[in-house]
Amino acid sequence: MLEAITASTPEEMRMEGFYNWTSPLVRKMIQEKYGVEYSDKGMREVMYRLGLSFTMPTYRLEKADLEAQLDFIEDFDKVKKNSRTMK
């Protein structure tokens, strides 16, 4: 289980339409593969014991501002170039 969720996405494990692992998805995979049921809290505790953690998504890419991203990349490139010449 640990290798499956750290080395692949849910979609790669034939859970189409899901791109990130969540405790409900891990529960579903374990139930289907091993016939063992966990509560959501129990699954999170198992994942924590295995050294896994989670974060909540903070934004959605479809809302990203392409122009702001391009401005950032241009500004960042300038900062990188300036830092190299200062050494």
Protein backbone atom coordinates (compact mmCIF):
# COMPACT_ATOMS: atom_id res chain seq x y z
CA MET A 1 0.00 0.00 0.00
CA LEU A 2 2.71 2.49 0.97
CA GLU A 3 4.58 2.00 -2.27
CA ALA A 4 1.39 2.29 -4.31
CA ILE A 5 0.38 5.65 -2.85
CA THR A 6 3.87 7.16 -2.77
CA ALA A 7 4.92 6.06 -6.25
CA SER A 8 1.72 6.53 -8.23
CA THR A 9 -1.38 8.65 -8.53
CA PRO A 10 -4.88 7.31 -7.97
CA GLU A 11 -5.53 7.57 -11.70
CA GLU A 12 -2.50 5.36 -12.40
CA MET A 13 -4.02 2.82 -10.00
CA ARG A 14 -7.19 2.77 -12.14
CA MET A 15 -9.16 5.16 -9.94
CA GLU A 16 -10.07 7.39 -12.83
CA GLY A 17 -10.89 11.02 -12.24
CA PHE A 18 -8.77 11.31 -9.07
CA TYR A 19 -5.37 12.95 -9.18
CA ASN A 20 -4.43 13.12 -5.49
CA TRP A 21 -4.58 10.54 -2.73
CA THR A 22 -7.10 11.15 0.04
CA SER A 23 -7.83 8.97 3.04
CA PRO A 24 -11.21 7.90 1.54
CA LEU A 25 -9.44 6.80 -1.66
CA VAL A 26 -6.81 4.87 0.30
CA ARG A 27 -9.60 3.25 2.35
CA LYS A 28 -11.37 2.24 -0.86
CA MET A 29 -8.17 0.78 -2.35
CA ILE A 30 -7.44 -1.24 0.82
CA GLN A 31 -11.01 -2.50 1.03
CA GLU A 32 -11.00 -3.61 -2.61
CA LYS A 33 -7.53 -5.17 -2.50
CA TYR A 34 -7.46 -6.71 0.99
CA GLY A 35 -11.08 -6.77 2.14
CA VAL A 36 -10.21 -4.72 5.24
CA GLU A 37 -12.35 -1.75 6.26
CA TYR A 38 -11.10 1.32 8.10
CA SER A 39 -12.91 4.39 9.33
CA ASP A 40 -11.67 7.64 7.83
CA LYS A 41 -10.00 8.62 11.12
CA GLY A 42 -8.47 5.15 11.48
CA MET A 43 -7.06 5.33 7.95
CA ARG A 44 -5.51 8.75 8.63
CA GLU A 45 -3.89 7.34 11.78
CA VAL A 46 -2.43 4.40 9.84
CA MET A 47 -1.13 6.79 7.18
CA TYR A 48 0.42 9.00 9.86
CA ARG A 49 2.16 5.99 11.43
CA LEU A 50 3.58 5.16 8.01
CA GLY A 51 5.11 8.64 7.83
CA LEU A 52 2.58 10.10 5.43
CA SER A 53 1.01 13.51 5.84
CA PHE A 54 -1.48 15.55 3.90
CA THR A 55 -2.23 19.10 2.95
CA MET A 56 -5.40 20.65 1.70
CA PRO A 57 -5.28 22.18 -1.76
CA THR A 58 -5.16 25.96 -1.56
CA TYR A 59 -5.96 26.87 -5.14
CA ARG A 60 -7.19 25.49 -8.42
CA LEU A 61 -5.13 25.73 -11.56
CA GLU A 62 -8.08 26.64 -13.74
CA LYS A 63 -8.31 29.90 -11.76
CA ALA A 64 -4.63 30.69 -12.30
CA ASP A 65 -3.80 34.00 -13.95
CA LEU A 66 -1.53 33.17 -16.89
CA GLU A 67 -0.36 36.78 -17.30
CA ALA A 68 0.65 36.99 -13.61
CA GLN A 69 2.54 33.71 -13.94
CA LEU A 70 4.47 34.96 -16.98
CA ASP A 71 5.29 38.23 -15.16
CA PHE A 72 6.58 36.23 -12.19
CA ILE A 73 8.78 34.04 -14.40
CA GLU A 74 10.25 37.11 -16.11
CA ASP A 75 10.93 38.85 -12.77
CA PHE A 76 12.39 35.68 -11.28
CA ASP A 77 14.75 35.24 -14.23
CA LYS A 78 15.99 38.82 -13.68
CA VAL A 79 16.59 38.14 -9.99
CA LYS A 80 18.51 34.94 -10.81
CA LYS A 81 20.69 36.77 -13.34
CA ASN A 82 21.42 39.57 -10.87
CA SER A 83 22.34 37.14 -8.10
CA ARG A 84 24.87 35.39 -10.36
CA THR A 85 26.64 38.65 -11.23
CA MET A 86 26.89 39.68 -7.57
CA LYS A 87 29.04 36.65 -6.60
